[in-house]
Amino acid sequence: MRTSEFCLHPAGDTPTSCRLFDAIQSLCIPVIVSDSIELPFEGMVDYSEFSIFVATSDALTPNWLVHHLRSISERQKDGFRRKMSMIRQCFGWTMASPVASGLFIQMVR
């Protein structure tokens, strides 16, 4: 993720997938593919400042997504990364317990 410009975030069975937070921590611009998705902490975080939202039908159109991402200027990508670098400090990673099998995300101030 750290060497990628864009990280695909397709809609899944839960809005709190670690993919999104991993992308933010890696400064990899999230490409959120969904017609309607509720993202965690939406009341506190404006994802549109550093993410690209794509309709499912557009993403399924052959070559559309590749052409769309290639049309994003270096200036725009730098702006997304600047916003992400500010917001990623708000997300903390903590082990739930020493024997827990996963991580949970916590908003920190």
PDB file of N, CA and C in Angstrom:
ATOM      1  N   MET A   1       0.816  -1.201   0.000  1.00  0.00           N
ATOM      2  CA  MET A   1       0.000   0.000   0.000  1.00  0.00           C
ATOM      3  C   MET A   1       0.858   1.263   0.000  1.00  0.00           C
ATOM      4  N   ARG A   2       1.965   1.212   0.693  1.00  0.00           N
ATOM      5  CA  ARG A   2       2.812   2.407   0.778  1.00  0.00           C
ATOM      6  C   ARG A   2       3.408   2.810  -0.559  1.00  0.00           C
ATOM      7  N   THR A   3       3.492   1.891  -1.495  1.00  0.00           N
ATOM      8  CA  THR A   3       4.058   2.213  -2.797  1.00  0.00           C
ATOM      9  C   THR A   3       2.977   2.429  -3.859  1.00  0.00           C
ATOM     10  N   SER A   4       1.718   2.320  -3.469  1.00  0.00           N
ATOM     11  CA  SER A   4       0.607   2.503  -4.408  1.00  0.00           C
ATOM     12  C   SER A   4       0.031   3.904  -4.292  1.00  0.00           C
ATOM     13  N   GLU A   5      -0.446   4.431  -5.404  1.00  0.00           N
ATOM     14  CA  GLU A   5      -1.104   5.735  -5.365  1.00  0.00           C
ATOM     15  C   GLU A   5      -2.555   5.615  -4.921  1.00  0.00           C
ATOM     16  N   PHE A   6      -3.229   4.552  -5.375  1.00  0.00           N
ATOM     17  CA  PHE A   6      -4.641   4.350  -5.098  1.00  0.00           C
ATOM     18  C   PHE A   6      -4.851   2.983  -4.467  1.00  0.00           C
ATOM     19  N   CYS A   7      -5.794   2.915  -3.522  1.00  0.00           N
ATOM     20  CA  CYS A   7      -6.156   1.654  -2.882  1.00  0.00           C
ATOM     21  C   CYS A   7      -7.654   1.456  -3.027  1.00  0.00           C
ATOM     22  N   LEU A   8      -8.016   0.377  -3.665  1.00  0.00           N
ATOM     23  CA  LEU A   8      -9.407   0.067  -3.924  1.00  0.00           C
ATOM     24  C   LEU A   8     -10.109  -0.331  -2.632  1.00  0.00           C
ATOM     25  N   HIS A   9     -11.271   0.250  -2.423  1.00  0.00           N
ATOM     26  CA  HIS A   9     -12.081  -0.056  -1.243  1.00  0.00           C
ATOM     27  C   HIS A   9     -13.505  -0.365  -1.715  1.00  0.00           C
ATOM     28  N   PRO A  10     -13.725  -1.599  -2.198  1.00  0.00           N
ATOM     29  CA  PRO A  10     -15.081  -1.953  -2.630  1.00  0.00           C
ATOM     30  C   PRO A  10     -15.997  -2.131  -1.428  1.00  0.00           C
ATOM     31  N   ALA A  11     -17.278  -1.910  -1.649  1.00  0.00           N
ATOM     32  CA  ALA A  11     -18.251  -2.118  -0.580  1.00  0.00           C
ATOM     33  C   ALA A  11     -18.222  -3.577  -0.159  1.00  0.00           C
ATOM     34  N   GLY A  12     -18.325  -3.805   1.125  1.00  0.00           N
ATOM     35  CA  GLY A  12     -18.309  -5.172   1.648  1.00  0.00           C
ATOM     36  C   GLY A  12     -19.449  -5.373   2.609  1.00  0.00           C
ATOM     37  N   ASP A  13     -19.274  -6.298   3.505  1.00  0.00           N
ATOM     38  CA  ASP A  13     -20.339  -6.589   4.451  1.00  0.00           C
ATOM     39  C   ASP A  13     -20.293  -5.694   5.680  1.00  0.00           C
ATOM     40  N   THR A  14     -19.251  -4.881   5.801  1.00  0.00           N
ATOM     41  CA  THR A  14     -19.144  -3.968   6.933  1.00  0.00           C
ATOM     42  C   THR A  14     -18.387  -2.711   6.521  1.00  0.00           C
ATOM     43  N   PRO A  15     -18.821  -1.537   6.977  1.00  0.00           N
ATOM     44  CA  PRO A  15     -18.129  -0.302   6.611  1.00  0.00           C
ATOM     45  C   PRO A  15     -16.810  -0.102   7.350  1.00  0.00           C
ATOM     46  N   THR A  16     -16.538  -0.905   8.359  1.00  0.00           N
ATOM     47  CA  THR A  16     -15.331  -0.693   9.159  1.00  0.00           C
ATOM     48  C   THR A  16     -14.201  -1.638   8.773  1.00  0.00           C
ATOM     49  N   SER A  17     -14.145  -1.993   7.516  1.00  0.00           N
ATOM     50  CA  SER A  17     -13.060  -2.847   7.042  1.00  0.00           C
ATOM     51  C   SER A  17     -11.722  -2.160   7.290  1.00  0.00           C
ATOM     52  N   CYS A  18     -10.745  -2.946   7.648  1.00  0.00           N
ATOM     53  CA  CYS A  18      -9.409  -2.388   7.905  1.00  0.00           C
ATOM     54  C   CYS A  18      -8.750  -1.862   6.641  1.00  0.00           C
ATOM     55  N   ARG A  19      -9.223  -2.278   5.462  1.00  0.00           N
ATOM     56  CA  ARG A  19      -8.647  -1.793   4.200  1.00  0.00           C
ATOM     57  C   ARG A  19      -8.605  -0.275   4.161  1.00  0.00           C
ATOM     58  N   LEU A  20      -9.695   0.355   4.546  1.00  0.00           N
ATOM     59  CA  LEU A  20      -9.780   1.807   4.494  1.00  0.00           C
ATOM     60  C   LEU A  20      -8.773   2.449   5.437  1.00  0.00           C
ATOM     61  N   PHE A  21      -8.672   1.954   6.645  1.00  0.00           N
ATOM     62  CA  PHE A  21      -7.745   2.531   7.613  1.00  0.00           C
ATOM     63  C   PHE A  21      -6.296   2.230   7.259  1.00  0.00           C
ATOM     64  N   ASP A  22      -6.051   1.056   6.692  1.00  0.00           N
ATOM     65  CA  ASP A  22      -4.708   0.739   6.217  1.00  0.00           C
ATOM     66  C   ASP A  22      -4.301   1.702   5.110  1.00  0.00           C
ATOM     67  N   ALA A  23      -5.223   1.993   4.207  1.00  0.00           N
ATOM     68  CA  ALA A  23      -4.933   2.934   3.118  1.00  0.00           C
ATOM     69  C   ALA A  23      -4.608   4.317   3.672  1.00  0.00           C
ATOM     70  N   ILE A  24      -5.394   4.778   4.622  1.00  0.00           N
ATOM     71  CA  ILE A  24      -5.161   6.101   5.214  1.00  0.00           C
ATOM     72  C   ILE A  24      -3.800   6.145   5.889  1.00  0.00           C
ATOM     73  N   GLN A  25      -3.470   5.133   6.656  1.00  0.00           N
ATOM     74  CA  GLN A  25      -2.175   5.099   7.342  1.00  0.00           C
ATOM     75  C   GLN A  25      -1.022   5.053   6.343  1.00  0.00           C
ATOM     76  N   SER A  26      -1.246   4.463   5.176  1.00  0.00           N
ATOM     77  CA  SER A  26      -0.215   4.334   4.159  1.00  0.00           C
ATOM     78  C   SER A  26      -0.169   5.511   3.195  1.00  0.00           C
ATOM     79  N   LEU A  27      -1.076   6.471   3.369  1.00  0.00           N
ATOM     80  CA  LEU A  27      -1.223   7.609   2.457  1.00  0.00           C
ATOM     81  C   LEU A  27      -1.517   7.145   1.029  1.00  0.00           C
ATOM     82  N   CYS A  28      -2.258   6.062   0.932  1.00  0.00           N
ATOM     83  CA  CYS A  28      -2.706   5.522  -0.344  1.00  0.00           C
ATOM     84  C   CYS A  28      -4.144   6.010  -0.545  1.00  0.00           C
ATOM     85  N   ILE A  29      -4.394   6.757  -1.590  1.00  0.00           N
ATOM     86  CA  ILE A  29      -5.690   7.407  -1.798  1.00  0.00           C
ATOM     87  C   ILE A  29      -6.788   6.345  -1.925  1.00  0.00           C
ATOM     88  N   PRO A  30      -7.755   6.353  -1.006  1.00  0.00           N
ATOM     89  CA  PRO A  30      -8.833   5.362  -1.074  1.00  0.00           C
ATOM     90  C   PRO A  30      -9.753   5.625  -2.268  1.00  0.00           C
ATOM     91  N   VAL A  31     -10.039   4.568  -3.010  1.00  0.00           N
ATOM     92  CA  VAL A  31     -11.013   4.614  -4.090  1.00  0.00           C
ATOM     93  C   VAL A  31     -12.196   3.792  -3.598  1.00  0.00           C
ATOM     94  N   ILE A  32     -13.228   4.497  -3.164  1.00  0.00           N
ATOM     95  CA  ILE A  32     -14.377   3.859  -2.522  1.00  0.00           C
ATOM     96  C   ILE A  32     -15.432   3.564  -3.586  1.00  0.00           C
ATOM     97  N   VAL A  33     -15.645   2.288  -3.846  1.00  0.00           N
ATOM     98  CA  VAL A  33     -16.589   1.854  -4.866  1.00  0.00           C
ATOM     99  C   VAL A  33     -17.879   1.445  -4.177  1.00  0.00           C
ATOM    100  N   SER A  34     -18.880   2.305  -4.292  1.00  0.00           N
ATOM    101  CA  SER A  34     -20.167   2.022  -3.663  1.00  0.00           C
ATOM    102  C   SER A  34     -21.180   3.062  -4.111  1.00  0.00           C
ATOM    103  N   ASP A  35     -22.433   2.646  -4.199  1.00  0.00           N
ATOM    104  CA  ASP A  35     -23.490   3.603  -4.523  1.00  0.00           C
ATOM    105  C   ASP A  35     -23.996   4.302  -3.265  1.00  0.00           C
ATOM    106  N   SER A  36     -23.905   3.628  -2.156  1.00  0.00           N
ATOM    107  CA  SER A  36     -24.269   4.244  -0.877  1.00  0.00           C
ATOM    108  C   SER A  36     -23.564   3.459   0.219  1.00  0.00           C
ATOM    109  N   ILE A  37     -22.657   4.128   0.878  1.00  0.00           N
ATOM    110  CA  ILE A  37     -21.893   3.471   1.932  1.00  0.00           C
ATOM    111  C   ILE A  37     -21.859   4.403   3.135  1.00  0.00           C
ATOM    112  N   GLU A  38     -21.982   3.831   4.299  1.00  0.00           N
ATOM    113  CA  GLU A  38     -21.816   4.593   5.531  1.00  0.00           C
ATOM    114  C   GLU A  38     -20.417   4.306   6.041  1.00  0.00           C
ATOM    115  N   LEU A  39     -19.615   5.334   6.102  1.00  0.00           N
ATOM    116  CA  LEU A  39     -18.237   5.178   6.550  1.00  0.00           C
ATOM    117  C   LEU A  39     -18.125   5.511   8.024  1.00  0.00           C
ATOM    118  N   PRO A  40     -17.217   4.880   8.720  1.00  0.00           N
ATOM    119  CA  PRO A  40     -17.066   5.150  10.153  1.00  0.00           C
ATOM    120  C   PRO A  40     -16.628   6.585  10.411  1.00  0.00           C
ATOM    121  N   PHE A  41     -17.151   7.152  11.465  1.00  0.00           N
ATOM    122  CA  PHE A  41     -16.807   8.501  11.921  1.00  0.00           C
ATOM    123  C   PHE A  41     -17.164   9.577  10.889  1.00  0.00           C
ATOM    124  N   GLU A  42     -18.203   9.347  10.064  1.00  0.00           N
ATOM    125  CA  GLU A  42     -18.574  10.319   9.033  1.00  0.00           C
ATOM    126  C   GLU A  42     -18.897  11.698   9.609  1.00  0.00           C
ATOM    127  N   GLY A  43     -19.386  11.743  10.821  1.00  0.00           N
ATOM    128  CA  GLY A  43     -19.691  13.034  11.435  1.00  0.00           C
ATOM    129  C   GLY A  43     -18.451  13.825  11.811  1.00  0.00           C
ATOM    130  N   MET A  44     -17.308  13.140  11.874  1.00  0.00           N
ATOM    131  CA  MET A  44     -16.067  13.791  12.282  1.00  0.00           C
ATOM    132  C   MET A  44     -15.042  13.877  11.155  1.00  0.00           C
ATOM    133  N   VAL A  45     -15.179  13.030  10.150  1.00  0.00           N
ATOM    134  CA  VAL A  45     -14.197  12.948   9.076  1.00  0.00           C
ATOM    135  C   VAL A  45     -14.901  13.171   7.737  1.00  0.00           C
ATOM    136  N   ASP A  46     -14.396  14.106   6.943  1.00  0.00           N
ATOM    137  CA  ASP A  46     -14.927  14.331   5.605  1.00  0.00           C
ATOM    138  C   ASP A  46     -14.073  13.546   4.618  1.00  0.00           C
ATOM    139  N   TYR A  47     -14.516  12.345   4.301  1.00  0.00           N
ATOM    140  CA  TYR A  47     -13.750  11.452   3.437  1.00  0.00           C
ATOM    141  C   TYR A  47     -13.575  12.016   2.032  1.00  0.00           C
ATOM    142  N   SER A  48     -14.481  12.893   1.603  1.00  0.00           N
ATOM    143  CA  SER A  48     -14.382  13.444   0.249  1.00  0.00           C
ATOM    144  C   SER A  48     -13.152  14.327   0.088  1.00  0.00           C
ATOM    145  N   GLU A  49     -12.533  14.740   1.182  1.00  0.00           N
ATOM    146  CA  GLU A  49     -11.329  15.571   1.099  1.00  0.00           C
ATOM    147  C   GLU A  49     -10.095  14.768   0.701  1.00  0.00           C
ATOM    148  N   PHE A  50     -10.148  13.440   0.851  1.00  0.00           N
ATOM    149  CA  PHE A  50      -8.963  12.647   0.533  1.00  0.00           C
ATOM    150  C   PHE A  50      -9.282  11.295  -0.114  1.00  0.00           C
ATOM    151  N   SER A  51     -10.525  11.103  -0.506  1.00  0.00           N
ATOM    152  CA  SER A  51     -10.930   9.833  -1.126  1.00  0.00           C
ATOM    153  C   SER A  51     -11.630  10.103  -2.446  1.00  0.00           C
ATOM    154  N   ILE A  52     -11.629   9.100  -3.292  1.00  0.00           N
ATOM    155  CA  ILE A  52     -12.340   9.168  -4.563  1.00  0.00           C
ATOM    156  C   ILE A  52     -13.523   8.223  -4.461  1.00  0.00           C
ATOM    157  N   PHE A  53     -14.710   8.749  -4.725  1.00  0.00           N
ATOM    158  CA  PHE A  53     -15.924   7.938  -4.668  1.00  0.00           C
ATOM    159  C   PHE A  53     -16.340   7.588  -6.094  1.00  0.00           C
ATOM    160  N   VAL A  54     -16.639   6.316  -6.309  1.00  0.00           N
ATOM    161  CA  VAL A  54     -16.984   5.817  -7.633  1.00  0.00           C
ATOM    162  C   VAL A  54     -18.258   4.989  -7.529  1.00  0.00           C
ATOM    163  N   ALA A  55     -19.187   5.243  -8.447  1.00  0.00           N
ATOM    164  CA  ALA A  55     -20.415   4.445  -8.496  1.00  0.00           C
ATOM    165  C   ALA A  55     -20.074   3.030  -8.955  1.00  0.00           C
ATOM    166  N   THR A  56     -20.804   2.071  -8.438  1.00  0.00           N
ATOM    167  CA  THR A  56     -20.563   0.672  -8.781  1.00  0.00           C
ATOM    168  C   THR A  56     -20.673   0.442 -10.284  1.00  0.00           C
ATOM    169  N   SER A  57     -21.685   1.023 -10.907  1.00  0.00           N
ATOM    170  CA  SER A  57     -21.872   0.823 -12.351  1.00  0.00           C
ATOM    171  C   SER A  57     -20.687   1.367 -13.147  1.00  0.00           C
ATOM    172  N   ASP A  58     -20.131   2.500 -12.719  1.00  0.00           N
ATOM    173  CA  ASP A  58     -18.951   3.042 -13.401  1.00  0.00           C
ATOM    174  C   ASP A  58     -17.752   2.122 -13.237  1.00  0.00           C
ATOM    175  N   ALA A  59     -17.560   1.626 -12.025  1.00  0.00           N
ATOM    176  CA  ALA A  59     -16.413   0.743 -11.756  1.00  0.00           C
ATOM    177  C   ALA A  59     -16.496  -0.548 -12.563  1.00  0.00           C
ATOM    178  N   LEU A  60     -17.700  -0.989 -12.876  1.00  0.00           N
ATOM    179  CA  LEU A  60     -17.880  -2.222 -13.638  1.00  0.00           C
ATOM    180  C   LEU A  60     -17.769  -2.018 -15.146  1.00  0.00           C
ATOM    181  N   THR A  61     -17.772  -0.774 -15.590  1.00  0.00           N
ATOM    182  CA  THR A  61     -17.613  -0.482 -17.012  1.00  0.00           C
ATOM    183  C   THR A  61     -16.158  -0.718 -17.398  1.00  0.00           C
ATOM    184  N   PRO A  62     -15.904  -1.561 -18.392  1.00  0.00           N
ATOM    185  CA  PRO A  62     -14.519  -1.864 -18.764  1.00  0.00           C
ATOM    186  C   PRO A  62     -13.678  -0.603 -19.019  1.00  0.00           C
ATOM    187  N   ASN A  63     -12.532  -0.565 -18.400  1.00  0.00           N
ATOM    188  CA  ASN A  63     -11.527   0.500 -18.544  1.00  0.00           C
ATOM    189  C   ASN A  63     -11.927   1.855 -17.944  1.00  0.00           C
ATOM    190  N   TRP A  64     -13.162   2.007 -17.483  1.00  0.00           N
ATOM    191  CA  TRP A  64     -13.591   3.312 -16.975  1.00  0.00           C
ATOM    192  C   TRP A  64     -12.758   3.739 -15.767  1.00  0.00           C
ATOM    193  N   LEU A  65     -12.597   2.842 -14.812  1.00  0.00           N
ATOM    194  CA  LEU A  65     -11.904   3.193 -13.577  1.00  0.00           C
ATOM    195  C   LEU A  65     -10.436   3.545 -13.844  1.00  0.00           C
ATOM    196  N   VAL A  66      -9.790   2.789 -14.676  1.00  0.00           N
ATOM    197  CA  VAL A  66      -8.385   3.071 -15.005  1.00  0.00           C
ATOM    198  C   VAL A  66      -8.259   4.455 -15.644  1.00  0.00           C
ATOM    199  N   HIS A  67      -9.124   4.754 -16.611  1.00  0.00           N
ATOM    200  CA  HIS A  67      -9.082   6.068 -17.265  1.00  0.00           C
ATOM    201  C   HIS A  67      -9.391   7.185 -16.279  1.00  0.00           C
ATOM    202  N   HIS A  68     -10.342   6.943 -15.407  1.00  0.00           N
ATOM    203  CA  HIS A  68     -10.713   7.968 -14.420  1.00  0.00           C
ATOM    204  C   HIS A  68      -9.545   8.262 -13.474  1.00  0.00           C
ATOM    205  N   LEU A  69      -8.906   7.237 -12.972  1.00  0.00           N
ATOM    206  CA  LEU A  69      -7.797   7.435 -12.042  1.00  0.00           C
ATOM    207  C   LEU A  69      -6.596   8.084 -12.738  1.00  0.00           C
ATOM    208  N   ARG A  70      -6.361   7.742 -13.981  1.00  0.00           N
ATOM    209  CA  ARG A  70      -5.265   8.365 -14.732  1.00  0.00           C
ATOM    210  C   ARG A  70      -5.523   9.841 -15.015  1.00  0.00           C
ATOM    211  N   SER A  71      -6.782  10.251 -14.989  1.00  0.00           N
ATOM    212  CA  SER A  71      -7.117  11.655 -15.260  1.00  0.00           C
ATOM    213  C   SER A  71      -6.905  12.556 -14.042  1.00  0.00           C
ATOM    214  N   ILE A  72      -6.631  11.986 -12.899  1.00  0.00           N
ATOM    215  CA  ILE A  72      -6.425  12.773 -11.681  1.00  0.00           C
ATOM    216  C   ILE A  72      -5.005  13.328 -11.693  1.00  0.00           C
ATOM    217  N   SER A  73      -4.908  14.629 -11.563  1.00  0.00           N
ATOM    218  CA  SER A  73      -3.610  15.300 -11.674  1.00  0.00           C
ATOM    219  C   SER A  73      -2.731  15.042 -10.441  1.00  0.00           C
ATOM    220  N   GLU A  74      -1.436  15.239 -10.627  1.00  0.00           N
ATOM    221  CA  GLU A  74      -0.487  15.114  -9.513  1.00  0.00           C
ATOM    222  C   GLU A  74      -0.836  16.118  -8.418  1.00  0.00           C
ATOM    223  N   ARG A  75      -1.276  17.281  -8.808  1.00  0.00           N
ATOM    224  CA  ARG A  75      -1.667  18.309  -7.832  1.00  0.00           C
ATOM    225  C   ARG A  75      -2.840  17.827  -6.977  1.00  0.00           C
ATOM    226  N   GLN A  76      -3.835  17.219  -7.619  1.00  0.00           N
ATOM    227  CA  GLN A  76      -4.978  16.684  -6.875  1.00  0.00           C
ATOM    228  C   GLN A  76      -4.538  15.561  -5.939  1.00  0.00           C
ATOM    229  N   LYS A  77      -3.690  14.660  -6.430  1.00  0.00           N
ATOM    230  CA  LYS A  77      -3.212  13.549  -5.602  1.00  0.00           C
ATOM    231  C   LYS A  77      -2.419  14.071  -4.408  1.00  0.00           C
ATOM    232  N   ASP A  78      -1.591  15.078  -4.630  1.00  0.00           N
ATOM    233  CA  ASP A  78      -0.841  15.673  -3.516  1.00  0.00           C
ATOM    234  C   ASP A  78      -1.785  16.283  -2.484  1.00  0.00           C
ATOM    235  N   GLY A  79      -2.852  16.922  -2.952  1.00  0.00           N
ATOM    236  CA  GLY A  79      -3.844  17.500  -2.047  1.00  0.00           C
ATOM    237  C   GLY A  79      -4.531  16.430  -1.210  1.00  0.00           C
ATOM    238  N   PHE A  80      -4.897  15.322  -1.849  1.00  0.00           N
ATOM    239  CA  PHE A  80      -5.501  14.200  -1.116  1.00  0.00           C
ATOM    240  C   PHE A  80      -4.541  13.695  -0.047  1.00  0.00           C
ATOM    241  N   ARG A  81      -3.275  13.539  -0.402  1.00  0.00           N
ATOM    242  CA  ARG A  81      -2.286  13.013   0.554  1.00  0.00           C
ATOM    243  C   ARG A  81      -2.053  13.987   1.707  1.00  0.00           C
ATOM    244  N   ARG A  82      -2.047  15.277   1.421  1.00  0.00           N
ATOM    245  CA  ARG A  82      -1.888  16.273   2.501  1.00  0.00           C
ATOM    246  C   ARG A  82      -3.040  16.163   3.492  1.00  0.00           C
ATOM    247  N   LYS A  83      -4.265  16.073   2.984  1.00  0.00           N
ATOM    248  CA  LYS A  83      -5.435  15.937   3.860  1.00  0.00           C
ATOM    249  C   LYS A  83      -5.365  14.626   4.654  1.00  0.00           C
ATOM    250  N   MET A  84      -4.944  13.550   3.969  1.00  0.00           N
ATOM    251  CA  MET A  84      -4.834  12.261   4.644  1.00  0.00           C
ATOM    252  C   MET A  84      -3.793  12.299   5.749  1.00  0.00           C
ATOM    253  N   SER A  85      -2.679  12.976   5.491  1.00  0.00           N
ATOM    254  CA  SER A  85      -1.626  13.022   6.512  1.00  0.00           C
ATOM    255  C   SER A  85      -2.105  13.742   7.765  1.00  0.00           C
ATOM    256  N   MET A  86      -3.034  14.684   7.603  1.00  0.00           N
ATOM    257  CA  MET A  86      -3.592  15.365   8.777  1.00  0.00           C
ATOM    258  C   MET A  86      -4.586  14.467   9.512  1.00  0.00           C
ATOM    259  N   ILE A  87      -5.422  13.759   8.760  1.00  0.00           N
ATOM    260  CA  ILE A  87      -6.474  12.963   9.390  1.00  0.00           C
ATOM    261  C   ILE A  87      -5.947  11.647   9.941  1.00  0.00           C
ATOM    262  N   ARG A  88      -4.890  11.091   9.370  1.00  0.00           N
ATOM    263  CA  ARG A  88      -4.429   9.780   9.827  1.00  0.00           C
ATOM    264  C   ARG A  88      -3.949   9.815  11.268  1.00  0.00           C
ATOM    265  N   GLN A  89      -3.592  10.989  11.762  1.00  0.00           N
ATOM    266  CA  GLN A  89      -3.175  11.117  13.156  1.00  0.00           C
ATOM    267  C   GLN A  89      -4.344  10.900  14.111  1.00  0.00           C
ATOM    268  N   CYS A  90      -5.566  11.020  13.599  1.00  0.00           N
ATOM    269  CA  CYS A  90      -6.763  10.829  14.430  1.00  0.00           C
ATOM    270  C   CYS A  90      -7.101   9.366  14.650  1.00  0.00           C
ATOM    271  N   PHE A  91      -6.542   8.492  13.827  1.00  0.00           N
ATOM    272  CA  PHE A  91      -6.846   7.074  13.945  1.00  0.00           C
ATOM    273  C   PHE A  91      -5.719   6.386  14.699  1.00  0.00           C
ATOM    274  N   GLY A  92      -6.063   5.766  15.818  1.00  0.00           N
ATOM    275  CA  GLY A  92      -5.070   5.031  16.603  1.00  0.00           C
ATOM    276  C   GLY A  92      -5.321   3.544  16.496  1.00  0.00           C
ATOM    277  N   TRP A  93      -4.268   2.768  16.502  1.00  0.00           N
ATOM    278  CA  TRP A  93      -4.360   1.312  16.430  1.00  0.00           C
ATOM    279  C   TRP A  93      -4.012   0.748  17.798  1.00  0.00           C
ATOM    280  N   THR A  94      -4.892  -0.075  18.336  1.00  0.00           N
ATOM    281  CA  THR A  94      -4.696  -0.628  19.665  1.00  0.00           C
ATOM    282  C   THR A  94      -5.110  -2.087  19.668  1.00  0.00           C
ATOM    283  N   MET A  95      -4.330  -2.907  20.336  1.00  0.00           N
ATOM    284  CA  MET A  95      -4.729  -4.307  20.499  1.00  0.00           C
ATOM    285  C   MET A  95      -5.867  -4.372  21.505  1.00  0.00           C
ATOM    286  N   ALA A  96      -6.897  -5.125  21.180  1.00  0.00           N
ATOM    287  CA  ALA A  96      -8.044  -5.259  22.075  1.00  0.00           C
ATOM    288  C   ALA A  96      -7.640  -5.982  23.358  1.00  0.00           C
ATOM    289  N   SER A  97      -6.803  -6.992  23.238  1.00  0.00           N
ATOM    290  CA  SER A  97      -6.266  -7.712  24.392  1.00  0.00           C
ATOM    291  C   SER A  97      -5.032  -8.474  23.919  1.00  0.00           C
ATOM    292  N   PRO A  98      -4.200  -8.935  24.830  1.00  0.00           N
ATOM    293  CA  PRO A  98      -2.990  -9.661  24.404  1.00  0.00           C
ATOM    294  C   PRO A  98      -3.280 -10.914  23.584  1.00  0.00           C
ATOM    295  N   VAL A  99      -4.449 -11.491  23.741  1.00  0.00           N
ATOM    296  CA  VAL A  99      -4.775 -12.707  23.008  1.00  0.00           C
ATOM    297  C   VAL A  99      -5.770 -12.457  21.871  1.00  0.00           C
ATOM    298  N   ALA A 100      -6.118 -11.208  21.644  1.00  0.00           N
ATOM    299  CA  ALA A 100      -7.095 -10.885  20.594  1.00  0.00           C
ATOM    300  C   ALA A 100      -6.529 -11.211  19.220  1.00  0.00           C
ATOM    301  N   SER A 101      -7.397 -11.614  18.333  1.00  0.00           N
ATOM    302  CA  SER A 101      -6.948 -11.987  16.999  1.00  0.00           C
ATOM    303  C   SER A 101      -6.943 -10.803  16.042  1.00  0.00           C
ATOM    304  N   GLY A 102      -7.418  -9.654  16.453  1.00  0.00           N
ATOM    305  CA  GLY A 102      -7.479  -8.515  15.536  1.00  0.00           C
ATOM    306  C   GLY A 102      -7.249  -7.201  16.234  1.00  0.00           C
ATOM    307  N   LEU A 103      -7.382  -6.175  15.456  1.00  0.00           N
ATOM    308  CA  LEU A 103      -7.196  -4.819  15.951  1.00  0.00           C
ATOM    309  C   LEU A 103      -8.523  -4.085  15.900  1.00  0.00           C
ATOM    310  N   PHE A 104      -8.671  -3.072  16.713  1.00  0.00           N
ATOM    311  CA  PHE A 104      -9.834  -2.211  16.573  1.00  0.00           C
ATOM    312  C   PHE A 104      -9.338  -0.787  16.414  1.00  0.00           C
ATOM    313  N   ILE A 105     -10.200   0.053  15.877  1.00  0.00           N
ATOM    314  CA  ILE A 105      -9.822   1.418  15.577  1.00  0.00           C
ATOM    315  C   ILE A 105     -10.485   2.334  16.580  1.00  0.00           C
ATOM    316  N   GLN A 106      -9.752   3.289  17.024  1.00  0.00           N
ATOM    317  CA  GLN A 106     -10.259   4.185  18.039  1.00  0.00           C
ATOM    318  C   GLN A 106      -9.914   5.614  17.632  1.00  0.00           C
ATOM    319  N   MET A 107     -10.873   6.504  17.740  1.00  0.00           N
ATOM    320  CA  MET A 107     -10.594   7.911  17.460  1.00  0.00           C
ATOM    321  C   MET A 107      -9.838   8.479  18.659  1.00  0.00           C
ATOM    322  N   VAL A 108      -8.741   9.133  18.388  1.00  0.00           N
ATOM    323  CA  VAL A 108      -7.953   9.764  19.447  1.00  0.00           C
ATOM    324  C   VAL A 108      -7.881  11.256  19.178  1.00  0.00           C
ATOM    325  N   ARG A 109      -7.693  12.001  20.187  1.00  0.00           N
ATOM    326  CA  ARG A 109      -7.601  13.457  20.027  1.00  0.00           C
ATOM    327  C   ARG A 109      -6.255  13.940  20.448  1.00  0.00           C
TER     328      ARG A 109
END
